[in-house]
Amino acid sequence: MMKPKPRDNSFKANFMRASAALIVPILIFGSPLLYLYILVSSWYGFSFCLLYAAYIYWDESHEEGGYSFEWFRNGSLFKWYADYHPAKIVKEADLDPTRNYIFGYHPHGLLAMGAYTNLALNATGFDSVFPGIKNRVLALRASFYIPFNREYYLRGGVACCSKRSINNILRMGPGHSCTLVVGGAAEVPLGGPGKATLVLKNRLGFVKMALENGADLVPVFGFGENHLVSLELPKPGTFSRKIQDFIKHNAGFYFPYYRGRLPFIEGFGLMFRQVPLVTVGKGHTFTNANIAVGKPIHVTKDINPSIEKIKELHDKYVKALVDLYDRNKYTYHPESSYPVPDLIIQ
């Protein structure tokens, strides 16, 4: 199982890592509260918030493929955060920068932080690991209507997970790619330490879009994602669960209660636990390709693929993902009191 590598354990290094791990949840959860504070602070604050709300409503950058600021993606804060776990990318194959790719990321966990840290930001060296690949991690449309959070996501290389956005990204030119957290919100309640249950069996849309765009599929598994926090979803039928289900139905996501840690206290707090976040992936070219069993499969671009072709490609993807997990689970599963789980596909 995965153990943290030796690193600088000086007071300064630990302080920077702990600060980064604390700041990231504050940025995620504190932004709406900051907006409300500015809104009621003064007339100038109210005017700013009104103009900013109009900008959020009219701006569709997240649907046009998004954008990113390289200084933001390469920021020291996120490198400290990556070092806190530590996080890293383990690749099993080089990717041709003249091709387009859809990375399928599993599992979702609470916030898919492994996808954001390793595949959107350059905190663990994505640009050098996959030179020429310009990737966007995809998130729910609702994420881009949260004040300030949308700027944090967009500047870090996140775009919307809509069909329009995916098509725009894949048609920008060679190397332009996107990462889809395939299980989505439905996978959140299935997460937690010692679990590896994926919502994938009936997820055919991303495979269809890969065929329509002639994009290659890259199965990716984030070891450690489910160990960042302990999720506590209320029992069905309770008032709290009804609120959660209402949010899921109307906003498209679950936001369960969770327990992480504090800088010097384990088992309580908003910080994510200090477990290795390892993103492992293998490139498979599904337009002139090698799959997990090693046989070349040629799949031509099809703007109107049949359901049979979609299901056939989906089955190959699932098999490649399961093989990927089985090859690496004993090496990169976080060292903990939980045994290495078998992968369950729902």
Protein backbone atom coordinates (compact mmCIF):
# COMPACT_ATOMS: atom_id res chain seq x y z
CA MET A 1 0.00 0.00 0.00
CA MET A 2 1.02 3.58 -0.68
CA LYS A 3 3.27 5.25 1.92
CA PRO A 4 4.25 8.93 1.89
CA LYS A 5 7.74 9.47 0.49
CA PRO A 6 10.45 11.09 2.66
CA ARG A 7 10.14 14.86 2.62
CA ASP A 8 11.12 18.02 4.40
CA ASN A 9 9.57 17.85 7.87
CA SER A 10 10.94 21.12 9.17
CA PHE A 11 8.61 23.44 11.05
CA LYS A 12 8.44 25.81 8.07
CA ALA A 13 7.56 23.04 5.61
CA ASN A 14 4.87 21.58 7.89
CA PHE A 15 3.45 25.04 8.56
CA MET A 16 3.15 25.75 4.81
CA ARG A 17 1.47 22.42 4.14
CA ALA A 18 -0.96 22.79 7.03
CA SER A 19 -1.76 26.37 5.97
CA ALA A 20 -2.45 25.25 2.41
CA ALA A 21 -4.65 22.38 3.57
CA LEU A 22 -6.66 24.77 5.73
CA ILE A 23 -6.91 27.55 3.15
CA VAL A 24 -8.30 25.33 0.37
CA PRO A 25 -11.52 24.40 2.26
CA ILE A 26 -11.89 28.06 3.28
CA LEU A 27 -11.69 29.12 -0.38
CA ILE A 28 -14.29 26.51 -1.32
CA PHE A 29 -16.79 27.04 1.48
CA GLY A 30 -16.07 30.61 2.55
CA SER A 31 -16.54 32.39 -0.78
CA PRO A 32 -20.37 32.62 -0.63
CA LEU A 33 -20.13 33.96 2.94
CA LEU A 34 -17.65 36.60 1.79
CA TYR A 35 -20.08 37.63 -0.97
CA LEU A 36 -22.91 38.03 1.55
CA TYR A 37 -20.66 40.09 3.82
CA ILE A 38 -19.73 42.45 0.98
CA LEU A 39 -23.39 42.63 -0.06
CA VAL A 40 -24.56 44.02 3.28
CA SER A 41 -21.40 45.92 4.25
CA SER A 42 -22.12 49.18 2.40
CA TRP A 43 -23.78 50.78 -0.61
CA TYR A 44 -20.58 50.31 -2.58
CA GLY A 45 -20.49 46.66 -1.59
CA PHE A 46 -24.13 46.23 -2.60
CA SER A 47 -23.45 47.86 -5.98
CA PHE A 48 -20.42 45.66 -6.57
CA CYS A 49 -22.37 42.50 -5.73
CA LEU A 50 -25.21 43.53 -8.01
CA LEU A 51 -22.86 44.09 -10.95
CA TYR A 52 -20.98 40.89 -10.17
CA ALA A 53 -24.24 38.91 -10.08
CA ALA A 54 -25.14 40.28 -13.53
CA TYR A 55 -21.69 39.30 -14.79
CA ILE A 56 -22.10 35.77 -13.44
CA TYR A 57 -25.50 35.47 -15.10
CA TRP A 58 -24.37 36.66 -18.53
CA ASP A 59 -20.83 35.29 -18.72
CA GLU A 60 -20.64 31.86 -20.37
CA SER A 61 -16.90 31.27 -20.31
CA HIS A 62 -17.50 27.95 -18.56
CA GLU A 63 -19.59 26.79 -21.54
CA GLU A 64 -17.06 27.94 -24.13
CA GLY A 65 -14.28 25.69 -22.88
CA GLY A 66 -13.23 27.84 -19.95
CA TYR A 67 -9.87 29.51 -19.54
CA SER A 68 -7.01 29.30 -17.08
CA PHE A 69 -4.30 31.58 -15.72
CA GLU A 70 -0.94 29.83 -15.71
CA TRP A 71 0.28 31.82 -12.70
CA PHE A 72 -2.75 30.53 -10.82
CA ARG A 73 -2.33 26.90 -11.94
CA ASN A 74 1.33 27.05 -10.90
CA GLY A 75 0.68 28.86 -7.60
CA SER A 76 2.72 27.90 -4.56
CA LEU A 77 -0.45 27.45 -2.48
CA PHE A 78 -1.55 24.49 -4.55
CA LYS A 79 1.93 22.97 -4.63
CA TRP A 80 1.97 23.14 -0.84
CA TYR A 81 -1.46 21.52 -0.79
CA ALA A 82 -0.30 18.74 -3.10
CA ASP A 83 2.75 18.17 -0.91
CA TYR A 84 0.50 17.99 2.16
CA HIS A 85 -1.01 14.65 1.11
CA PRO A 86 1.32 14.08 -0.93
CA ALA A 87 -0.35 14.00 -4.35
CA LYS A 88 1.20 12.72 -7.57
CA ILE A 89 0.46 11.41 -11.06
CA VAL A 90 1.48 7.89 -12.10
CA LYS A 91 1.08 7.37 -15.83
CA GLU A 92 1.15 4.05 -17.63
CA ALA A 93 1.44 5.42 -21.16
CA ASP A 94 2.44 8.58 -22.99
CA LEU A 95 -0.31 10.54 -24.71
CA ASP A 96 0.02 11.80 -28.29
CA PRO A 97 -0.36 15.61 -28.17
CA THR A 98 -1.91 15.60 -31.65
CA ARG A 99 -4.93 13.72 -30.30
CA ASN A 100 -7.86 14.80 -28.14
CA TYR A 101 -8.80 12.93 -24.97
CA ILE A 102 -11.62 12.44 -22.51
CA PHE A 103 -10.15 11.46 -19.15
CA GLY A 104 -12.67 9.48 -17.08
CA TYR A 105 -11.92 10.14 -13.41
CA HIS A 106 -13.04 7.76 -10.65
CA PRO A 107 -14.17 7.92 -7.85
CA HIS A 108 -15.93 11.21 -7.13
CA GLY A 109 -15.41 11.32 -3.37
CA LEU A 110 -16.60 14.54 -1.74
CA LEU A 111 -15.19 17.10 -4.20
CA ALA A 112 -12.97 15.13 -6.62
CA MET A 113 -9.94 16.94 -5.21
CA GLY A 114 -7.58 14.44 -6.84
CA ALA A 115 -8.87 15.46 -10.26
CA TYR A 116 -8.52 19.17 -9.52
CA THR A 117 -5.10 18.90 -7.87
CA ASN A 118 -3.50 16.49 -10.35
CA LEU A 119 -5.32 17.10 -13.64
CA ALA A 120 -6.52 20.74 -13.64
CA LEU A 121 -3.78 22.51 -11.71
CA ASN A 122 -0.09 22.03 -12.42
CA ALA A 123 0.58 21.35 -8.74
CA THR A 124 2.00 17.89 -9.45
CA GLY A 125 3.50 18.61 -12.87
CA PHE A 126 0.70 17.66 -15.27
CA ASP A 127 2.19 19.82 -18.02
CA SER A 128 5.50 17.96 -17.89
CA VAL A 129 3.96 14.51 -17.41
CA PHE A 130 1.70 14.98 -20.44
CA PRO A 131 3.40 17.64 -22.62
CA GLY A 132 1.14 19.23 -25.19
CA ILE A 133 -2.10 18.15 -23.49
CA LYS A 134 -4.29 21.11 -22.57
CA ASN A 135 -6.79 19.70 -20.11
CA ARG A 136 -9.97 21.01 -18.49
CA VAL A 137 -11.55 19.31 -15.50
CA LEU A 138 -15.33 19.46 -15.75
CA ALA A 139 -17.78 20.47 -13.02
CA LEU A 140 -21.52 21.01 -12.65
CA ARG A 141 -22.97 24.16 -14.20
CA ALA A 142 -24.19 25.22 -10.74
CA SER A 143 -20.55 25.56 -9.63
CA PHE A 144 -20.15 28.57 -11.93
CA TYR A 145 -22.99 30.50 -10.32
CA ILE A 146 -21.36 30.53 -6.88
CA PRO A 147 -19.78 33.97 -6.26
CA PHE A 148 -15.96 33.98 -6.26
CA ASN A 149 -15.84 30.19 -6.41
CA ARG A 150 -16.38 30.41 -10.18
CA GLU A 151 -13.26 32.52 -10.54
CA TYR A 152 -11.31 30.03 -8.48
CA TYR A 153 -12.49 27.17 -10.69
CA LEU A 154 -12.08 28.92 -14.04
CA ARG A 155 -8.59 30.22 -13.34
CA GLY A 156 -7.57 26.77 -12.19
CA GLY A 157 -8.61 25.06 -15.44
CA VAL A 158 -12.20 23.97 -14.74
CA ALA A 159 -15.09 24.17 -17.23
CA CYS A 160 -18.71 23.05 -17.34
CA CYS A 161 -19.60 19.38 -17.84
CA SER A 162 -22.35 20.13 -20.36
CA LYS A 163 -22.40 18.63 -23.85
CA ARG A 164 -21.86 22.07 -25.36
CA SER A 165 -18.76 22.67 -23.24
CA ILE A 166 -17.24 19.25 -23.97
CA ASN A 167 -17.74 19.70 -27.72
CA ASN A 168 -16.17 23.16 -27.59
CA ILE A 169 -13.12 21.84 -25.73
CA LEU A 170 -12.53 18.84 -27.98
CA ARG A 171 -12.87 20.97 -31.12
CA MET A 172 -10.33 23.61 -30.08
CA GLY A 173 -7.53 21.72 -31.77
CA PRO A 174 -4.93 19.01 -31.15
CA GLY A 175 -4.17 18.23 -27.51
CA HIS A 176 -7.28 19.89 -26.10
CA SER A 177 -8.85 17.46 -23.65
CA CYS A 178 -11.22 17.27 -20.72
CA THR A 179 -11.61 15.28 -17.52
CA LEU A 180 -15.08 14.08 -16.58
CA VAL A 181 -15.82 12.73 -13.11
CA VAL A 182 -18.07 10.05 -14.55
CA GLY A 183 -19.94 8.99 -11.41
CA GLY A 184 -21.07 12.53 -10.66
CA ALA A 185 -23.20 13.47 -7.67
CA ALA A 186 -24.80 10.02 -7.56
CA GLU A 187 -21.43 8.62 -6.47
CA VAL A 188 -20.92 10.95 -3.52
CA PRO A 189 -23.03 8.93 -1.00
CA LEU A 190 -21.11 5.78 -1.96
CA GLY A 191 -17.74 7.25 -0.97
CA GLY A 192 -15.76 7.14 2.24
CA PRO A 193 -12.71 5.29 3.56
CA GLY A 194 -12.44 1.63 2.61
CA LYS A 195 -14.93 1.92 -0.28
CA ALA A 196 -14.50 1.62 -4.05
CA THR A 197 -18.03 1.69 -5.47
CA LEU A 198 -18.50 3.46 -8.80
CA VAL A 199 -21.59 4.63 -10.67
CA LEU A 200 -20.63 3.62 -14.20
CA LYS A 201 -22.74 0.77 -15.54
CA ASN A 202 -25.29 3.01 -17.30
CA ARG A 203 -23.07 6.05 -17.94
CA LEU A 204 -22.93 5.98 -21.73
CA GLY A 205 -22.97 9.69 -22.57
CA PHE A 206 -19.22 10.29 -22.29
CA VAL A 207 -18.55 7.28 -24.51
CA LYS A 208 -20.97 8.58 -27.13
CA MET A 209 -19.25 11.98 -27.12
CA ALA A 210 -15.86 10.30 -27.51
CA LEU A 211 -17.14 8.54 -30.63
CA GLU A 212 -18.78 11.68 -32.02
CA ASN A 213 -15.57 13.67 -31.63
CA GLY A 214 -13.09 10.91 -32.37
CA ALA A 215 -11.54 11.53 -28.94
CA ASP A 216 -9.48 8.96 -27.06
CA LEU A 217 -10.66 7.67 -23.70
CA VAL A 218 -8.30 7.60 -20.73
CA PRO A 219 -9.48 5.69 -17.63
CA VAL A 220 -8.16 7.28 -14.45
CA PHE A 221 -8.45 6.14 -10.85
CA GLY A 222 -7.70 8.46 -7.93
CA PHE A 223 -6.37 6.39 -5.04
CA GLY A 224 -6.94 8.19 -1.76
CA GLU A 225 -9.93 10.21 -3.00
CA ASN A 226 -12.39 8.30 -0.81
CA HIS A 227 -10.10 8.56 2.21
CA LEU A 228 -9.95 12.36 2.42
CA VAL A 229 -13.04 12.58 4.64
CA SER A 230 -15.66 10.39 6.30
CA LEU A 231 -19.04 11.02 4.73
CA GLU A 232 -22.20 11.00 6.81
CA LEU A 233 -25.35 11.08 4.69
CA PRO A 234 -28.54 11.12 6.80
CA LYS A 235 -30.73 8.02 6.71
CA PRO A 236 -33.54 7.93 4.11
CA GLY A 237 -36.79 9.43 5.35
CA THR A 238 -35.23 11.78 7.91
CA PHE A 239 -35.71 15.53 7.66
CA SER A 240 -32.00 16.08 7.00
CA ARG A 241 -32.02 13.52 4.18
CA LYS A 242 -35.06 15.19 2.61
CA ILE A 243 -33.11 18.46 2.55
CA GLN A 244 -30.15 16.69 0.94
CA ASP A 245 -32.41 15.06 -1.66
CA PHE A 246 -34.04 18.43 -2.39
CA ILE A 247 -30.61 19.99 -3.01
CA LYS A 248 -29.62 17.04 -5.21
CA HIS A 249 -32.84 17.26 -7.25
CA ASN A 250 -32.69 21.02 -7.80
CA ALA A 251 -28.96 21.82 -7.83
CA GLY A 252 -27.61 18.51 -9.11
CA PHE A 253 -25.28 17.67 -6.22
CA TYR A 254 -25.19 16.17 -2.75
CA PHE A 255 -23.51 18.01 0.06
CA PRO A 256 -23.33 15.46 2.88
CA TYR A 257 -21.99 16.10 6.34
CA TYR A 258 -18.39 15.08 6.60
CA ARG A 259 -15.57 14.75 9.10
CA GLY A 260 -12.00 15.55 8.15
CA ARG A 261 -9.40 16.94 10.54
CA LEU A 262 -7.89 20.09 12.07
CA PRO A 263 -4.18 21.01 11.90
CA PHE A 264 -3.33 19.04 15.05
CA ILE A 265 -6.54 17.05 15.64
CA GLU A 266 -7.59 13.96 13.69
CA GLY A 267 -11.25 12.99 13.16
CA PHE A 268 -12.90 16.42 13.28
CA GLY A 269 -12.80 19.55 11.12
CA LEU A 270 -13.04 20.82 7.53
CA MET A 271 -9.50 19.99 6.47
CA PHE A 272 -8.98 16.97 4.25
CA ARG A 273 -7.04 14.10 5.81
CA GLN A 274 -3.34 13.72 5.08
CA VAL A 275 -3.48 10.66 2.83
CA PRO A 276 -1.62 10.13 -0.48
CA LEU A 277 -3.63 11.35 -3.49
CA VAL A 278 -2.34 9.25 -6.37
CA THR A 279 -3.88 9.63 -9.81
CA VAL A 280 -3.17 6.64 -12.04
CA GLY A 281 -4.14 6.47 -15.68
CA LYS A 282 -3.41 4.66 -18.88
CA GLY A 283 -4.01 6.11 -22.32
CA HIS A 284 -6.14 4.05 -24.69
CA THR A 285 -6.64 5.22 -28.28
CA PHE A 286 -10.14 4.22 -29.26
CA THR A 287 -9.78 5.43 -32.82
CA ASN A 288 -6.73 3.30 -33.58
CA ALA A 289 -6.07 1.65 -30.29
CA ASN A 290 -4.68 -0.78 -27.83
CA ILE A 291 -7.00 -1.80 -24.99
CA ALA A 292 -6.19 -3.52 -21.73
CA VAL A 293 -5.83 -6.97 -23.29
CA GLY A 294 -3.38 -5.63 -25.86
CA LYS A 295 -5.38 -6.19 -29.07
CA PRO A 296 -5.55 -3.21 -31.43
CA ILE A 297 -9.07 -1.91 -31.94
CA HIS A 298 -9.87 0.53 -34.71
CA VAL A 299 -12.91 2.72 -34.08
CA THR A 300 -13.56 5.43 -36.64
CA LYS A 301 -15.14 8.74 -35.77
CA ASP A 302 -18.91 8.38 -35.92
CA ILE A 303 -21.10 11.48 -35.56
CA ASN A 304 -24.17 9.26 -35.17
CA PRO A 305 -23.02 6.07 -33.39
CA SER A 306 -25.46 3.24 -32.82
CA ILE A 307 -26.32 2.15 -29.28
CA GLU A 308 -24.57 -1.16 -29.98
CA LYS A 309 -21.31 0.61 -30.83
CA ILE A 310 -21.60 2.81 -27.75
CA LYS A 311 -22.17 -0.16 -25.47
CA GLU A 312 -19.30 -2.09 -27.04
CA LEU A 313 -16.90 0.78 -26.41
CA HIS A 314 -18.32 1.28 -22.92
CA ASP A 315 -17.63 -2.36 -22.06
CA LYS A 316 -14.02 -1.94 -23.21
CA TYR A 317 -13.65 1.15 -21.07
CA VAL A 318 -15.05 -0.58 -17.97
CA LYS A 319 -12.74 -3.55 -18.46
CA ALA A 320 -9.72 -1.26 -18.89
CA LEU A 321 -10.66 0.63 -15.72
CA VAL A 322 -11.11 -2.55 -13.67
CA ASP A 323 -7.77 -3.88 -14.91
CA LEU A 324 -6.14 -0.54 -14.08
CA TYR A 325 -7.50 -0.66 -10.54
CA ASP A 326 -6.52 -4.30 -9.97
CA ARG A 327 -2.96 -3.69 -11.18
CA ASN A 328 -2.41 -0.77 -8.84
CA LYS A 329 -4.66 -1.21 -5.81
CA TYR A 330 -2.08 -2.88 -3.58
CA THR A 331 0.61 -0.37 -4.52
CA TYR A 332 -1.28 2.92 -4.18
CA HIS A 333 -4.15 2.19 -1.80
CA PRO A 334 -3.62 4.54 1.20
CA GLU A 335 -2.16 2.82 4.21
CA SER A 336 -4.96 2.74 6.76
CA SER A 337 -6.99 0.47 9.02
CA TYR A 338 -9.29 -0.29 6.08
CA PRO A 339 -8.55 -3.29 3.86
CA VAL A 340 -8.06 -2.83 0.14
CA PRO A 341 -11.59 -3.02 -1.32
CA ASP A 342 -12.66 -4.74 -4.51
CA LEU A 343 -13.95 -2.42 -7.21
CA ILE A 344 -17.75 -2.46 -7.47
CA ILE A 345 -19.47 -1.13 -10.59
CA GLN A 346 -23.08 -0.01 -10.25
